C-alpha atoms as a PDB file:
ATOM      1  CA  UNK A   1      75.686 -73.093  52.562  1.00  0.00           C
ATOM      2  CA  UNK A   2      78.411 -70.570  53.362  1.00  0.00           C
ATOM      3  CA  UNK A   3      78.057 -68.383  56.446  1.00  0.00           C
ATOM      4  CA  UNK A   4      78.288 -65.142  54.519  1.00  0.00           C
ATOM      5  CA  UNK A   5      75.556 -65.789  51.955  1.00  0.00           C
ATOM      6  CA  UNK A   6      72.045 -64.284  52.056  1.00  0.00           C
ATOM      7  CA  UNK A   7      68.991 -66.526  52.563  1.00  0.00           C
ATOM      8  CA  UNK A   8      67.866 -66.203  48.929  1.00  0.00           C
ATOM      9  CA  UNK A   9      71.434 -66.671  47.814  1.00  0.00           C
ATOM     10  CA  UNK A  10      72.237 -68.832  50.830  1.00  0.00           C
ATOM     11  CA  UNK A  11      73.570 -65.905  52.972  1.00  0.00           C
ATOM     12  CA  UNK A  12      73.035 -66.163  56.704  1.00  0.00           C
ATOM     13  CA  UNK A  13      74.967 -63.084  57.834  1.00  0.00           C
ATOM     14  CA  UNK A  14      75.593 -59.611  56.453  1.00  0.00           C
ATOM     15  CA  UNK A  15      78.923 -57.888  56.949  1.00  0.00           C
ATOM     16  CA  UNK A  16      79.899 -54.225  56.600  1.00  0.00           C
ATOM     17  CA  UNK A  17      80.132 -54.419  52.811  1.00  0.00           C
ATOM     18  CA  UNK A  18      76.642 -55.923  52.534  1.00  0.00           C
ATOM     19  CA  UNK A  19      75.113 -53.273  54.813  1.00  0.00           C
ATOM     20  CA  UNK A  20      76.866 -50.475  52.873  1.00  0.00           C
ATOM     21  CA  UNK A  21      75.548 -51.834  49.586  1.00  0.00           C
ATOM     22  CA  UNK A  22      71.986 -52.460  50.786  1.00  0.00           C
ATOM     23  CA  UNK A  23      71.530 -49.142  52.589  1.00  0.00           C
ATOM     24  CA  UNK A  24      73.920 -46.944  50.634  1.00  0.00           C
ATOM     25  CA  UNK A  25      75.718 -45.773  53.777  1.00  0.00           C
ATOM     26  CA  UNK A  26      79.351 -45.160  54.686  1.00  0.00           C
ATOM     27  CA  UNK A  27      81.501 -47.826  56.359  1.00  0.00           C
ATOM     28  CA  UNK A  28      81.290 -46.119  59.762  1.00  0.00           C
ATOM     29  CA  UNK A  29      77.471 -46.018  59.659  1.00  0.00           C
ATOM     30  CA  UNK A  30      77.315 -49.673  58.590  1.00  0.00           C
ATOM     31  CA  UNK A  31      79.463 -50.672  61.573  1.00  0.00           C
ATOM     32  CA  UNK A  32      77.228 -48.650  63.926  1.00  0.00           C
ATOM     33  CA  UNK A  33      74.114 -50.362  62.562  1.00  0.00           C
ATOM     34  CA  UNK A  34      75.697 -53.819  62.900  1.00  0.00           C
ATOM     35  CA  UNK A  35      76.779 -53.032  66.469  1.00  0.00           C
ATOM     36  CA  UNK A  36      73.328 -51.740  67.420  1.00  0.00           C
ATOM     37  CA  UNK A  37      71.595 -54.826  66.035  1.00  0.00           C
ATOM     38  CA  UNK A  38      74.109 -57.155  67.693  1.00  0.00           C
ATOM     39  CA  UNK A  39      73.656 -55.321  71.011  1.00  0.00           C
ATOM     40  CA  UNK A  40      69.894 -55.872  70.721  1.00  0.00           C
ATOM     41  CA  UNK A  41      70.427 -59.575  70.047  1.00  0.00           C
ATOM     42  CA  UNK A  42      72.942 -59.928  72.896  1.00  0.00           C
ATOM     43  CA  UNK A  43      70.552 -58.253  75.355  1.00  0.00           C
ATOM     44  CA  UNK A  44      68.025 -60.949  74.426  1.00  0.00           C
ATOM     45  CA  UNK A  45      70.522 -63.714  75.155  1.00  0.00           C
ATOM     46  CA  UNK A  46      71.720 -64.455  71.635  1.00  0.00           C
ATOM     47  CA  UNK A  47      75.349 -65.090  70.759  1.00  0.00           C
ATOM     48  CA  UNK A  48      76.633 -62.537  68.259  1.00  0.00           C
ATOM     49  CA  UNK A  49      79.625 -62.292  65.945  1.00  0.00           C
ATOM     50  CA  UNK A  50      81.418 -58.943  65.838  1.00  0.00           C
ATOM     51  CA  UNK A  51      81.164 -57.296  62.429  1.00  0.00           C
ATOM     52  CA  UNK A  52      78.355 -59.552  61.198  1.00  0.00           C
ATOM     53  CA  UNK A  53      74.611 -59.497  61.720  1.00  0.00           C
ATOM     54  CA  UNK A  54      72.097 -62.245  60.909  1.00  0.00           C
ATOM     55  CA  UNK A  55      70.570 -61.407  57.509  1.00  0.00           C
ATOM     56  CA  UNK A  56      67.069 -62.346  58.636  1.00  0.00           C
ATOM     57  CA  UNK A  57      67.239 -60.090  61.728  1.00  0.00           C
ATOM     58  CA  UNK A  58      68.728 -57.211  59.714  1.00  0.00           C
ATOM     59  CA  UNK A  59      65.934 -57.426  57.130  1.00  0.00           C
ATOM     60  CA  UNK A  60      63.264 -57.679  59.825  1.00  0.00           C
ATOM     61  CA  UNK A  61      64.520 -54.689  61.846  1.00  0.00           C
ATOM     62  CA  UNK A  62      64.951 -52.499  58.791  1.00  0.00           C
ATOM     63  CA  UNK A  63      61.592 -53.575  57.339  1.00  0.00           C
ATOM     64  CA  UNK A  64      63.202 -54.874  54.171  1.00  0.00           C
ATOM     65  CA  UNK A  65      60.960 -57.200  52.218  1.00  0.00           C
ATOM     66  CA  UNK A  66      62.735 -60.071  50.582  1.00  0.00           C
ATOM     67  CA  UNK A  67      62.715 -59.944  46.832  1.00  0.00           C
ATOM     68  CA  UNK A  68      61.319 -62.859  44.922  1.00  0.00           C
ATOM     69  CA  UNK A  69      63.924 -65.112  43.437  1.00  0.00           C
ATOM     70  CA  UNK A  70      64.415 -64.666  39.693  1.00  0.00           C
ATOM     71  CA  UNK A  71      62.956 -68.117  39.050  1.00  0.00           C
ATOM     72  CA  UNK A  72      59.740 -67.187  40.913  1.00  0.00           C
ATOM     73  CA  UNK A  73      59.365 -63.981  38.883  1.00  0.00           C
ATOM     74  CA  UNK A  74      59.859 -65.906  35.655  1.00  0.00           C
ATOM     75  CA  UNK A  75      57.191 -68.453  36.615  1.00  0.00           C
ATOM     76  CA  UNK A  76      54.748 -65.661  37.534  1.00  0.00           C
ATOM     77  CA  UNK A  77      55.376 -63.832  34.268  1.00  0.00           C
ATOM     78  CA  UNK A  78      54.820 -67.014  32.295  1.00  0.00           C
ATOM     79  CA  UNK A  79      51.564 -67.735  34.139  1.00  0.00           C
ATOM     80  CA  UNK A  80      50.314 -64.205  33.442  1.00  0.00           C
ATOM     81  CA  UNK A  81      51.168 -64.567  29.760  1.00  0.00           C
ATOM     82  CA  UNK A  82      49.070 -67.742  29.404  1.00  0.00           C
END
């Protein structure tokens, strides 16, 4: 599993590009969000990496529900069709 891949896709951390894409914000806003979340983690004793934020923490703090994997949706659709 690569360090930059999302949990569903294998990613553990989001970078500026990920945050921009997910939230539809400018680069500067994405960096501010990453810094704020990393400051929160650091104040709780966690080690942080500048410019990256744990995907799980990002999704939790921004109340983003994880989407079902495509394979799960396909299975559910097939079950409903039966």
